[in-house]
């Protein structure tokens, strides 16, 4: 499992923008670990890639992962993150990987 957590509505808006960028064409990539609000745990890296089809999450090294989805699936991930663009109390989470491999969860806290 890969857990993306924390950040306020502005940070989620940046993450959603990255997802929309990926939906713009096959071959686009975003290093999610390089986004300004991301704090990697144990130097873990996650590269999101737009592909011809949903390939899911693949480990390339012990702390290096690639998450490859088709264009339409990146739009779906963007839509799933929309509800986190408003301030709310408590812990809220969403599974966002529609493909194979480890689950990817976005959570408002380091819990789900």
PDB file of N, CA and C in Angstrom:
ATOM      1  N   UNK A   1       0.835  -1.169   0.000  1.00  0.00           N
ATOM      2  CA  UNK A   1       0.000   0.000   0.000  1.00  0.00           C
ATOM      3  C   UNK A   1       0.886   1.241   0.000  1.00  0.00           C
ATOM      4  N   UNK A   2       0.435   2.263  -0.736  1.00  0.00           N
ATOM      5  CA  UNK A   2       1.089   3.566  -0.736  1.00  0.00           C
ATOM      6  C   UNK A   2       0.076   4.551  -0.172  1.00  0.00           C
ATOM      7  N   UNK A   3       0.484   5.279   0.850  1.00  0.00           N
ATOM      8  CA  UNK A   3      -0.408   6.243   1.493  1.00  0.00           C
ATOM      9  C   UNK A   3       0.053   7.656   1.180  1.00  0.00           C
ATOM     10  N   UNK A   4      -0.825   8.409   0.546  1.00  0.00           N
ATOM     11  CA  UNK A   4      -0.621   9.842   0.333  1.00  0.00           C
ATOM     12  C   UNK A   4      -1.511  10.522   1.357  1.00  0.00           C
ATOM     13  N   UNK A   5      -0.943  11.354   2.216  1.00  0.00           N
ATOM     14  CA  UNK A   5      -1.771  11.898   3.291  1.00  0.00           C
ATOM     15  C   UNK A   5      -1.415  13.336   3.613  1.00  0.00           C
ATOM     16  N   UNK A   6      -2.350  13.961   4.299  1.00  0.00           N
ATOM     17  CA  UNK A   6      -2.155  15.307   4.806  1.00  0.00           C
ATOM     18  C   UNK A   6      -2.355  16.357   3.732  1.00  0.00           C
ATOM     19  N   UNK A   7      -1.945  17.539   4.092  1.00  0.00           N
ATOM     20  CA  UNK A   7      -2.122  18.645   3.156  1.00  0.00           C
ATOM     21  C   UNK A   7      -3.520  19.194   3.239  1.00  0.00           C
ATOM     22  N   UNK A   8      -3.624  20.461   3.019  1.00  0.00           N
ATOM     23  CA  UNK A   8      -4.924  21.114   3.027  1.00  0.00           C
ATOM     24  C   UNK A   8      -5.497  21.197   1.629  1.00  0.00           C
ATOM     25  N   UNK A   9      -6.604  21.900   1.499  1.00  0.00           N
ATOM     26  CA  UNK A   9      -7.260  22.021   0.204  1.00  0.00           C
ATOM     27  C   UNK A   9      -6.357  22.559  -0.911  1.00  0.00           C
ATOM     28  N   UNK A  10      -5.463  23.486  -0.593  1.00  0.00           N
ATOM     29  CA  UNK A  10      -4.564  24.013  -1.631  1.00  0.00           C
ATOM     30  C   UNK A  10      -3.608  22.942  -2.128  1.00  0.00           C
ATOM     31  N   UNK A  11      -3.127  22.110  -1.216  1.00  0.00           N
ATOM     32  CA  UNK A  11      -2.234  21.026  -1.607  1.00  0.00           C
ATOM     33  C   UNK A  11      -2.964  19.986  -2.454  1.00  0.00           C
ATOM     34  N   UNK A  12      -4.180  19.674  -2.084  1.00  0.00           N
ATOM     35  CA  UNK A  12      -4.971  18.723  -2.860  1.00  0.00           C
ATOM     36  C   UNK A  12      -5.252  19.293  -4.247  1.00  0.00           C
ATOM     37  N   UNK A  13      -5.470  20.594  -4.334  1.00  0.00           N
ATOM     38  CA  UNK A  13      -5.681  21.225  -5.644  1.00  0.00           C
ATOM     39  C   UNK A  13      -4.440  21.056  -6.518  1.00  0.00           C
ATOM     40  N   UNK A  14      -3.248  21.166  -5.941  1.00  0.00           N
ATOM     41  CA  UNK A  14      -2.013  20.943  -6.702  1.00  0.00           C
ATOM     42  C   UNK A  14      -1.897  19.487  -7.158  1.00  0.00           C
ATOM     43  N   UNK A  15      -2.267  18.568  -6.281  1.00  0.00           N
ATOM     44  CA  UNK A  15      -2.243  17.151  -6.634  1.00  0.00           C
ATOM     45  C   UNK A  15      -3.237  16.864  -7.756  1.00  0.00           C
ATOM     46  N   UNK A  16      -4.416  17.444  -7.664  1.00  0.00           N
ATOM     47  CA  UNK A  16      -5.424  17.252  -8.709  1.00  0.00           C
ATOM     48  C   UNK A  16      -4.939  17.822 -10.035  1.00  0.00           C
ATOM     49  N   UNK A  17      -4.269  18.954  -9.992  1.00  0.00           N
ATOM     50  CA  UNK A  17      -3.724  19.545 -11.208  1.00  0.00           C
ATOM     51  C   UNK A  17      -2.725  18.595 -11.864  1.00  0.00           C
ATOM     52  N   UNK A  18      -1.903  17.935 -11.048  1.00  0.00           N
ATOM     53  CA  UNK A  18      -0.951  16.954 -11.579  1.00  0.00           C
ATOM     54  C   UNK A  18      -1.691  15.802 -12.259  1.00  0.00           C
ATOM     55  N   UNK A  19      -2.799  15.352 -11.669  1.00  0.00           N
ATOM     56  CA  UNK A  19      -3.583  14.266 -12.262  1.00  0.00           C
ATOM     57  C   UNK A  19      -4.172  14.700 -13.608  1.00  0.00           C
ATOM     58  N   UNK A  20      -4.659  15.931 -13.677  1.00  0.00           N
ATOM     59  CA  UNK A  20      -5.215  16.435 -14.940  1.00  0.00           C
ATOM     60  C   UNK A  20      -4.124  16.542 -16.002  1.00  0.00           C
ATOM     61  N   UNK A  21      -2.920  16.924 -15.599  1.00  0.00           N
ATOM     62  CA  UNK A  21      -1.801  16.985 -16.538  1.00  0.00           C
ATOM     63  C   UNK A  21      -1.545  15.612 -17.143  1.00  0.00           C
ATOM     64  N   UNK A  22      -1.599  14.576 -16.308  1.00  0.00           N
ATOM     65  CA  UNK A  22      -1.378  13.214 -16.782  1.00  0.00           C
ATOM     66  C   UNK A  22      -2.453  12.763 -17.765  1.00  0.00           C
ATOM     67  N   UNK A  23      -3.652  13.264 -17.613  1.00  0.00           N
ATOM     68  CA  UNK A  23      -4.748  12.873 -18.504  1.00  0.00           C
ATOM     69  C   UNK A  23      -4.633  13.537 -19.875  1.00  0.00           C
ATOM     70  N   UNK A  24      -3.658  14.408 -20.052  1.00  0.00           N
ATOM     71  CA  UNK A  24      -3.511  15.154 -21.305  1.00  0.00           C
ATOM     72  C   UNK A  24      -2.780  14.439 -22.413  1.00  0.00           C
ATOM     73  N   UNK A  25      -2.177  13.304 -22.148  1.00  0.00           N
ATOM     74  CA  UNK A  25      -1.495  12.583 -23.212  1.00  0.00           C
ATOM     75  C   UNK A  25      -0.619  11.468 -22.688  1.00  0.00           C
ATOM     76  N   UNK A  26      -0.524  10.392 -23.456  1.00  0.00           N
ATOM     77  CA  UNK A  26       0.293   9.237 -23.095  1.00  0.00           C
ATOM     78  C   UNK A  26       1.757   9.660 -23.034  1.00  0.00           C
ATOM     79  N   UNK A  27       2.463   9.157 -22.027  1.00  0.00           N
ATOM     80  CA  UNK A  27       3.885   9.440 -21.874  1.00  0.00           C
ATOM     81  C   UNK A  27       4.201  10.552 -20.893  1.00  0.00           C
ATOM     82  N   UNK A  28       3.189  11.271 -20.437  1.00  0.00           N
ATOM     83  CA  UNK A  28       3.432  12.323 -19.445  1.00  0.00           C
ATOM     84  C   UNK A  28       3.752  11.695 -18.098  1.00  0.00           C
ATOM     85  N   UNK A  29       4.608  12.382 -17.331  1.00  0.00           N
ATOM     86  CA  UNK A  29       5.017  11.862 -16.034  1.00  0.00           C
ATOM     87  C   UNK A  29       5.039  12.972 -14.996  1.00  0.00           C
ATOM     88  N   UNK A  30       4.740  12.602 -13.762  1.00  0.00           N
ATOM     89  CA  UNK A  30       4.849  13.516 -12.626  1.00  0.00           C
ATOM     90  C   UNK A  30       5.518  12.756 -11.489  1.00  0.00           C
ATOM     91  N   UNK A  31       6.581  13.334 -10.967  1.00  0.00           N
ATOM     92  CA  UNK A  31       7.238  12.756  -9.792  1.00  0.00           C
ATOM     93  C   UNK A  31       6.481  13.273  -8.571  1.00  0.00           C
ATOM     94  N   UNK A  32       5.540  12.475  -8.084  1.00  0.00           N
ATOM     95  CA  UNK A  32       4.695  12.922  -6.972  1.00  0.00           C
ATOM     96  C   UNK A  32       5.530  13.244  -5.735  1.00  0.00           C
ATOM     97  N   UNK A  33       6.637  12.558  -5.550  1.00  0.00           N
ATOM     98  CA  UNK A  33       7.505  12.808  -4.396  1.00  0.00           C
ATOM     99  C   UNK A  33       8.199  14.175  -4.477  1.00  0.00           C
ATOM    100  N   UNK A  34       8.199  14.795  -5.663  1.00  0.00           N
ATOM    101  CA  UNK A  34       8.821  16.116  -5.840  1.00  0.00           C
ATOM    102  C   UNK A  34       7.841  17.273  -5.696  1.00  0.00           C
ATOM    103  N   UNK A  35       6.554  16.989  -5.544  1.00  0.00           N
ATOM    104  CA  UNK A  35       5.594  18.072  -5.356  1.00  0.00           C
ATOM    105  C   UNK A  35       5.943  18.813  -4.066  1.00  0.00           C
ATOM    106  N   UNK A  36       5.757  20.136  -4.026  1.00  0.00           N
ATOM    107  CA  UNK A  36       6.266  20.944  -2.908  1.00  0.00           C
ATOM    108  C   UNK A  36       5.715  20.581  -1.536  1.00  0.00           C
ATOM    109  N   UNK A  37       4.545  20.014  -1.454  1.00  0.00           N
ATOM    110  CA  UNK A  37       3.928  19.711  -0.162  1.00  0.00           C
ATOM    111  C   UNK A  37       4.160  18.273   0.287  1.00  0.00           C
ATOM    112  N   UNK A  38       4.813  17.453  -0.538  1.00  0.00           N
ATOM    113  CA  UNK A  38       4.997  16.037  -0.233  1.00  0.00           C
ATOM    114  C   UNK A  38       6.215  15.836   0.664  1.00  0.00           C
ATOM    115  N   UNK A  39       6.011  15.065   1.720  1.00  0.00           N
ATOM    116  CA  UNK A  39       7.101  14.649   2.594  1.00  0.00           C
ATOM    117  C   UNK A  39       7.203  13.132   2.476  1.00  0.00           C
ATOM    118  N   UNK A  40       8.248  12.684   1.843  1.00  0.00           N
ATOM    119  CA  UNK A  40       8.438  11.262   1.617  1.00  0.00           C
ATOM    120  C   UNK A  40       8.874  10.573   2.905  1.00  0.00           C
ATOM    121  N   UNK A  41       8.320   9.397   3.147  1.00  0.00           N
ATOM    122  CA  UNK A  41       8.714   8.583   4.291  1.00  0.00           C
ATOM    123  C   UNK A  41       9.774   7.591   3.802  1.00  0.00           C
ATOM    124  N   UNK A  42      10.886   7.530   4.490  1.00  0.00           N
ATOM    125  CA  UNK A  42      11.995   6.631   4.146  1.00  0.00           C
ATOM    126  C   UNK A  42      12.482   6.823   2.705  1.00  0.00           C
ATOM    127  N   UNK A  43      12.415   8.072   2.214  1.00  0.00           N
ATOM    128  CA  UNK A  43      12.892   8.429   0.869  1.00  0.00           C
ATOM    129  C   UNK A  43      12.168   7.682  -0.239  1.00  0.00           C
ATOM    130  N   UNK A  44      10.938   7.286   0.018  1.00  0.00           N
ATOM    131  CA  UNK A  44      10.119   6.596  -0.968  1.00  0.00           C
ATOM    132  C   UNK A  44       9.799   7.545  -2.126  1.00  0.00           C
ATOM    133  N   UNK A  45       9.838   7.018  -3.347  1.00  0.00           N
ATOM    134  CA  UNK A  45       9.546   7.816  -4.542  1.00  0.00           C
ATOM    135  C   UNK A  45       8.391   7.179  -5.301  1.00  0.00           C
ATOM    136  N   UNK A  46       7.491   8.040  -5.790  1.00  0.00           N
ATOM    137  CA  UNK A  46       6.345   7.575  -6.579  1.00  0.00           C
ATOM    138  C   UNK A  46       6.225   8.436  -7.825  1.00  0.00           C
ATOM    139  N   UNK A  47       6.419   7.806  -8.982  1.00  0.00           N
ATOM    140  CA  UNK A  47       6.292   8.491 -10.263  1.00  0.00           C
ATOM    141  C   UNK A  47       4.967   8.068 -10.893  1.00  0.00           C
ATOM    142  N   UNK A  48       4.146   9.048 -11.237  1.00  0.00           N
ATOM    143  CA  UNK A  48       2.864   8.790 -11.897  1.00  0.00           C
ATOM    144  C   UNK A  48       3.060   8.976 -13.401  1.00  0.00           C
ATOM    145  N   UNK A  49       2.569   8.017 -14.176  1.00  0.00           N
ATOM    146  CA  UNK A  49       2.818   7.995 -15.616  1.00  0.00           C
ATOM    147  C   UNK A  49       1.504   7.773 -16.361  1.00  0.00           C
ATOM    148  N   UNK A  50       1.285   8.537 -17.427  1.00  0.00           N
ATOM    149  CA  UNK A  50       0.110   8.291 -18.266  1.00  0.00           C
ATOM    150  C   UNK A  50       0.491   7.244 -19.311  1.00  0.00           C
ATOM    151  N   UNK A  51      -0.330   6.222 -19.401  1.00  0.00           N
ATOM    152  CA  UNK A  51      -0.037   5.075 -20.267  1.00  0.00           C
ATOM    153  C   UNK A  51      -1.223   4.800 -21.187  1.00  0.00           C
ATOM    154  N   UNK A  52      -1.038   3.852 -22.077  1.00  0.00           N
ATOM    155  CA  UNK A  52      -2.113   3.446 -23.000  1.00  0.00           C
ATOM    156  C   UNK A  52      -3.246   2.737 -22.251  1.00  0.00           C
ATOM    157  N   UNK A  53      -2.884   2.054 -21.149  1.00  0.00           N
ATOM    158  CA  UNK A  53      -3.861   1.281 -20.381  1.00  0.00           C
ATOM    159  C   UNK A  53      -3.486   1.344 -18.900  1.00  0.00           C
ATOM    160  N   UNK A  54      -4.411   0.915 -18.053  1.00  0.00           N
ATOM    161  CA  UNK A  54      -4.169   0.883 -16.614  1.00  0.00           C
ATOM    162  C   UNK A  54      -3.230  -0.273 -16.275  1.00  0.00           C
ATOM    163  N   UNK A  55      -2.005   0.064 -15.895  1.00  0.00           N
ATOM    164  CA  UNK A  55      -1.017  -0.948 -15.532  1.00  0.00           C
ATOM    165  C   UNK A  55      -0.874  -1.073 -14.028  1.00  0.00           C
ATOM    166  N   UNK A  56      -1.247  -0.041 -13.283  1.00  0.00           N
ATOM    167  CA  UNK A  56      -1.183  -0.081 -11.835  1.00  0.00           C
ATOM    168  C   UNK A  56       0.162   0.330 -11.291  1.00  0.00           C
ATOM    169  N   UNK A  57       0.462  -0.160 -10.090  1.00  0.00           N
ATOM    170  CA  UNK A  57       1.681   0.214  -9.377  1.00  0.00           C
ATOM    171  C   UNK A  57       2.695  -0.915  -9.494  1.00  0.00           C
ATOM    172  N   UNK A  58       3.915  -0.538  -9.863  1.00  0.00           N
ATOM    173  CA  UNK A  58       5.003  -1.494  -9.995  1.00  0.00           C
ATOM    174  C   UNK A  58       6.193  -0.961  -9.210  1.00  0.00           C
ATOM    175  N   UNK A  59       6.813  -1.826  -8.415  1.00  0.00           N
ATOM    176  CA  UNK A  59       8.027  -1.451  -7.682  1.00  0.00           C
ATOM    177  C   UNK A  59       9.214  -1.608  -8.612  1.00  0.00           C
ATOM    178  N   UNK A  60       9.995  -0.553  -8.760  1.00  0.00           N
ATOM    179  CA  UNK A  60      11.204  -0.592  -9.580  1.00  0.00           C
ATOM    180  C   UNK A  60      12.447  -0.811  -8.727  1.00  0.00           C
ATOM    181  N   UNK A  61      12.340  -0.496  -7.461  1.00  0.00           N
ATOM    182  CA  UNK A  61      13.404  -0.688  -6.466  1.00  0.00           C
ATOM    183  C   UNK A  61      12.693  -0.690  -5.121  1.00  0.00           C
ATOM    184  N   UNK A  62      13.387  -1.011  -4.046  1.00  0.00           N
ATOM    185  CA  UNK A  62      12.700  -1.078  -2.752  1.00  0.00           C
ATOM    186  C   UNK A  62      11.921   0.185  -2.362  1.00  0.00           C
ATOM    187  N   UNK A  63      12.361   1.356  -2.797  1.00  0.00           N
ATOM    188  CA  UNK A  63      11.652   2.598  -2.435  1.00  0.00           C
ATOM    189  C   UNK A  63      11.264   3.407  -3.666  1.00  0.00           C
ATOM    190  N   UNK A  64      11.256   2.791  -4.842  1.00  0.00           N
ATOM    191  CA  UNK A  64      10.975   3.487  -6.093  1.00  0.00           C
ATOM    192  C   UNK A  64       9.805   2.800  -6.798  1.00  0.00           C
ATOM    193  N   UNK A  65       8.697   3.536  -6.948  1.00  0.00           N
ATOM    194  CA  UNK A  65       7.474   2.968  -7.518  1.00  0.00           C
ATOM    195  C   UNK A  65       7.005   3.770  -8.720  1.00  0.00           C
ATOM    196  N   UNK A  66       6.379   3.080  -9.675  1.00  0.00           N
ATOM    197  CA  UNK A  66       5.733   3.724 -10.820  1.00  0.00           C
ATOM    198  C   UNK A  66       4.256   3.371 -10.788  1.00  0.00           C
ATOM    199  N   UNK A  67       3.421   4.393 -10.973  1.00  0.00           N
ATOM    200  CA  UNK A  67       1.968   4.229 -10.997  1.00  0.00           C
ATOM    201  C   UNK A  67       1.494   4.626 -12.383  1.00  0.00           C
ATOM    202  N   UNK A  68       1.137   3.667 -13.212  1.00  0.00           N
ATOM    203  CA  UNK A  68       0.765   3.918 -14.603  1.00  0.00           C
ATOM    204  C   UNK A  68      -0.715   3.656 -14.826  1.00  0.00           C
ATOM    205  N   UNK A  69      -1.384   4.688 -15.312  1.00  0.00           N
ATOM    206  CA  UNK A  69      -2.810   4.590 -15.625  1.00  0.00           C
ATOM    207  C   UNK A  69      -3.081   5.187 -16.998  1.00  0.00           C
ATOM    208  N   UNK A  70      -4.204   4.776 -17.579  1.00  0.00           N
ATOM    209  CA  UNK A  70      -4.660   5.360 -18.826  1.00  0.00           C
ATOM    210  C   UNK A  70      -5.216   6.766 -18.595  1.00  0.00           C
ATOM    211  N   UNK A  71      -5.393   7.494 -19.663  1.00  0.00           N
ATOM    212  CA  UNK A  71      -5.814   8.892 -19.586  1.00  0.00           C
ATOM    213  C   UNK A  71      -7.133   9.072 -18.839  1.00  0.00           C
ATOM    214  N   UNK A  72      -8.112   8.253 -19.141  1.00  0.00           N
ATOM    215  CA  UNK A  72      -9.424   8.369 -18.485  1.00  0.00           C
ATOM    216  C   UNK A  72      -9.328   8.067 -16.987  1.00  0.00           C
ATOM    217  N   UNK A  73      -8.490   7.134 -16.619  1.00  0.00           N
ATOM    218  CA  UNK A  73      -8.338   6.800 -15.202  1.00  0.00           C
ATOM    219  C   UNK A  73      -7.716   7.945 -14.411  1.00  0.00           C
ATOM    220  N   UNK A  74      -6.790   8.702 -15.028  1.00  0.00           N
ATOM    221  CA  UNK A  74      -6.233   9.865 -14.322  1.00  0.00           C
ATOM    222  C   UNK A  74      -7.317  10.900 -14.062  1.00  0.00           C
ATOM    223  N   UNK A  75      -8.253  11.049 -14.998  1.00  0.00           N
ATOM    224  CA  UNK A  75      -9.384  11.964 -14.763  1.00  0.00           C
ATOM    225  C   UNK A  75     -10.247  11.461 -13.608  1.00  0.00           C
ATOM    226  N   UNK A  76     -10.426  10.154 -13.502  1.00  0.00           N
ATOM    227  CA  UNK A  76     -11.208   9.590 -12.405  1.00  0.00           C
ATOM    228  C   UNK A  76     -10.515   9.825 -11.063  1.00  0.00           C
ATOM    229  N   UNK A  77      -9.183   9.691 -11.029  1.00  0.00           N
ATOM    230  CA  UNK A  77      -8.446   9.967  -9.797  1.00  0.00           C
ATOM    231  C   UNK A  77      -8.628  11.426  -9.408  1.00  0.00           C
ATOM    232  N   UNK A  78      -8.539  12.311 -10.380  1.00  0.00           N
ATOM    233  CA  UNK A  78      -8.768  13.737 -10.136  1.00  0.00           C
ATOM    234  C   UNK A  78     -10.143  13.964  -9.507  1.00  0.00           C
ATOM    235  N   UNK A  79     -11.164  13.343 -10.054  1.00  0.00           N
ATOM    236  CA  UNK A  79     -12.528  13.487  -9.531  1.00  0.00           C
ATOM    237  C   UNK A  79     -12.644  12.940  -8.115  1.00  0.00           C
ATOM    238  N   UNK A  80     -11.968  11.835  -7.832  1.00  0.00           N
ATOM    239  CA  UNK A  80     -12.030  11.236  -6.493  1.00  0.00           C
ATOM    240  C   UNK A  80     -11.397  12.142  -5.439  1.00  0.00           C
ATOM    241  N   UNK A  81     -10.445  12.960  -5.848  1.00  0.00           N
ATOM    242  CA  UNK A  81      -9.773  13.856  -4.909  1.00  0.00           C
ATOM    243  C   UNK A  81     -10.540  15.153  -4.673  1.00  0.00           C
ATOM    244  N   UNK A  82     -11.543  15.423  -5.477  1.00  0.00           N
ATOM    245  CA  UNK A  82     -12.281  16.686  -5.400  1.00  0.00           C
ATOM    246  C   UNK A  82     -12.842  16.951  -4.006  1.00  0.00           C
ATOM    247  N   UNK A  83     -13.350  15.946  -3.350  1.00  0.00           N
ATOM    248  CA  UNK A  83     -13.985  16.155  -2.035  1.00  0.00           C
ATOM    249  C   UNK A  83     -12.996  16.603  -0.961  1.00  0.00           C
ATOM    250  N   UNK A  84     -11.706  16.441  -1.199  1.00  0.00           N
ATOM    251  CA  UNK A  84     -10.693  16.852  -0.228  1.00  0.00           C
ATOM    252  C   UNK A  84     -10.286  18.318  -0.401  1.00  0.00           C
ATOM    253  N   UNK A  85     -10.910  18.996  -1.344  1.00  0.00           N
ATOM    254  CA  UNK A  85     -10.592  20.409  -1.591  1.00  0.00           C
ATOM    255  C   UNK A  85     -11.348  21.345  -0.652  1.00  0.00           C
ATOM    256  N   UNK A  86     -12.119  20.801   0.250  1.00  0.00           N
ATOM    257  CA  UNK A  86     -12.830  21.591   1.252  1.00  0.00           C
ATOM    258  C   UNK A  86     -12.333  21.181   2.637  1.00  0.00           C
ATOM    259  N   UNK A  87     -12.192  22.169   3.523  1.00  0.00           N
ATOM    260  CA  UNK A  87     -11.773  21.886   4.899  1.00  0.00           C
ATOM    261  C   UNK A  87     -12.881  21.123   5.613  1.00  0.00           C
ATOM    262  N   UNK A  88     -12.508  20.014   6.242  1.00  0.00           N
ATOM    263  CA  UNK A  88     -13.452  19.223   7.028  1.00  0.00           C
ATOM    264  C   UNK A  88     -12.698  18.667   8.218  1.00  0.00           C
ATOM    265  N   UNK A  89     -13.396  18.404   9.275  1.00  0.00           N
ATOM    266  CA  UNK A  89     -12.763  17.818  10.451  1.00  0.00           C
ATOM    267  C   UNK A  89     -12.703  16.308  10.347  1.00  0.00           C
ATOM    268  N   UNK A  90     -11.862  15.699  11.160  1.00  0.00           N
ATOM    269  CA  UNK A  90     -11.782  14.238  11.209  1.00  0.00           C
ATOM    270  C   UNK A  90     -10.907  13.669  10.111  1.00  0.00           C
ATOM    271  N   UNK A  91     -10.811  12.362  10.117  1.00  0.00           N
ATOM    272  CA  UNK A  91     -10.008  11.658   9.125  1.00  0.00           C
ATOM    273  C   UNK A  91     -10.915  11.154   8.017  1.00  0.00           C
ATOM    274  N   UNK A  92     -10.520  11.440   6.805  1.00  0.00           N
ATOM    275  CA  UNK A  92     -11.271  10.995   5.638  1.00  0.00           C
ATOM    276  C   UNK A  92     -10.271  10.421   4.639  1.00  0.00           C
ATOM    277  N   UNK A  93     -10.659   9.376   3.911  1.00  0.00           N
ATOM    278  CA  UNK A  93      -9.729   8.769   2.962  1.00  0.00           C
ATOM    279  C   UNK A  93     -10.465   8.246   1.741  1.00  0.00           C
ATOM    280  N   UNK A  94      -9.668   7.957   0.696  1.00  0.00           N
ATOM    281  CA  UNK A  94     -10.215   7.452  -0.557  1.00  0.00           C
ATOM    282  C   UNK A  94      -9.183   6.544  -1.222  1.00  0.00           C
ATOM    283  N   UNK A  95      -9.588   5.344  -1.658  1.00  0.00           N
ATOM    284  CA  UNK A  95      -8.735   4.492  -2.481  1.00  0.00           C
ATOM    285  C   UNK A  95      -8.751   5.101  -3.883  1.00  0.00           C
ATOM    286  N   UNK A  96      -7.571   5.321  -4.474  1.00  0.00           N
ATOM    287  CA  UNK A  96      -7.529   6.014  -5.762  1.00  0.00           C
ATOM    288  C   UNK A  96      -6.849   5.225  -6.879  1.00  0.00           C
ATOM    289  N   UNK A  97      -6.425   3.997  -6.632  1.00  0.00           N
ATOM    290  CA  UNK A  97      -5.794   3.202  -7.685  1.00  0.00           C
ATOM    291  C   UNK A  97      -6.813   2.216  -8.263  1.00  0.00           C
ATOM    292  N   UNK A  98      -7.299   2.466  -9.485  1.00  0.00           N
ATOM    293  CA  UNK A  98      -8.277   1.545 -10.079  1.00  0.00           C
ATOM    294  C   UNK A  98      -7.640   0.315 -10.726  1.00  0.00           C
ATOM    295  N   UNK A  99      -6.318   0.229 -10.692  1.00  0.00           N
ATOM    296  CA  UNK A  99      -5.622  -0.846 -11.394  1.00  0.00           C
ATOM    297  C   UNK A  99      -4.967  -1.815 -10.411  1.00  0.00           C
ATOM    298  N   UNK A 100      -4.110  -2.666 -10.927  1.00  0.00           N
ATOM    299  CA  UNK A 100      -3.478  -3.697 -10.111  1.00  0.00           C
ATOM    300  C   UNK A 100      -2.296  -3.161  -9.313  1.00  0.00           C
ATOM    301  N   UNK A 101      -1.768  -4.021  -8.482  1.00  0.00           N
ATOM    302  CA  UNK A 101      -0.631  -3.644  -7.656  1.00  0.00           C
ATOM    303  C   UNK A 101      -1.088  -3.099  -6.319  1.00  0.00           C
ATOM    304  N   UNK A 102      -0.164  -2.526  -5.581  1.00  0.00           N
ATOM    305  CA  UNK A 102      -0.510  -1.989  -4.262  1.00  0.00           C
ATOM    306  C   UNK A 102      -1.619  -0.941  -4.342  1.00  0.00           C
ATOM    307  N   UNK A 103      -2.412  -0.896  -3.301  1.00  0.00           N
ATOM    308  CA  UNK A 103      -3.427   0.153  -3.187  1.00  0.00           C
ATOM    309  C   UNK A 103      -2.736   1.501  -3.033  1.00  0.00           C
ATOM    310  N   UNK A 104      -3.355   2.529  -3.572  1.00  0.00           N
ATOM    311  CA  UNK A 104      -2.928   3.896  -3.289  1.00  0.00           C
ATOM    312  C   UNK A 104      -4.108   4.564  -2.618  1.00  0.00           C
ATOM    313  N   UNK A 105      -3.851   5.097  -1.428  1.00  0.00           N
ATOM    314  CA  UNK A 105      -4.894   5.731  -0.635  1.00  0.00           C
ATOM    315  C   UNK A 105      -4.500   7.175  -0.393  1.00  0.00           C
ATOM    316  N   UNK A 106      -5.459   8.089  -0.620  1.00  0.00           N
ATOM    317  CA  UNK A 106      -5.256   9.473  -0.170  1.00  0.00           C
ATOM    318  C   UNK A 106      -6.051   9.633   1.115  1.00  0.00           C
ATOM    319  N   UNK A 107      -5.403  10.182   2.147  1.00  0.00           N
ATOM    320  CA  UNK A 107      -6.052  10.387   3.438  1.00  0.00           C
ATOM    321  C   UNK A 107      -5.723  11.765   3.961  1.00  0.00           C
ATOM    322  N   UNK A 108      -6.622  12.309   4.758  1.00  0.00           N
ATOM    323  CA  UNK A 108      -6.379  13.615   5.362  1.00  0.00           C
ATOM    324  C   UNK A 108      -5.402  13.534   6.530  1.00  0.00           C
ATOM    325  N   UNK A 109      -5.073  12.325   6.970  1.00  0.00           N
ATOM    326  CA  UNK A 109      -4.136  12.105   8.061  1.00  0.00           C
ATOM    327  C   UNK A 109      -3.356  10.821   7.806  1.00  0.00           C
ATOM    328  N   UNK A 110      -2.393  10.548   8.654  1.00  0.00           N
ATOM    329  CA  UNK A 110      -1.613   9.334   8.471  1.00  0.00           C
ATOM    330  C   UNK A 110      -2.364   8.141   9.058  1.00  0.00           C
ATOM    331  N   UNK A 111      -3.586   8.021   8.637  1.00  0.00           N
ATOM    332  CA  UNK A 111      -4.485   6.944   9.061  1.00  0.00           C
ATOM    333  C   UNK A 111      -5.550   6.803   7.999  1.00  0.00           C
ATOM    334  N   UNK A 112      -6.298   5.697   8.053  1.00  0.00           N
ATOM    335  CA  UNK A 112      -7.409   5.494   7.128  1.00  0.00           C
ATOM    336  C   UNK A 112      -8.409   4.589   7.747  1.00  0.00           C
TER     337      UNK A 112
END
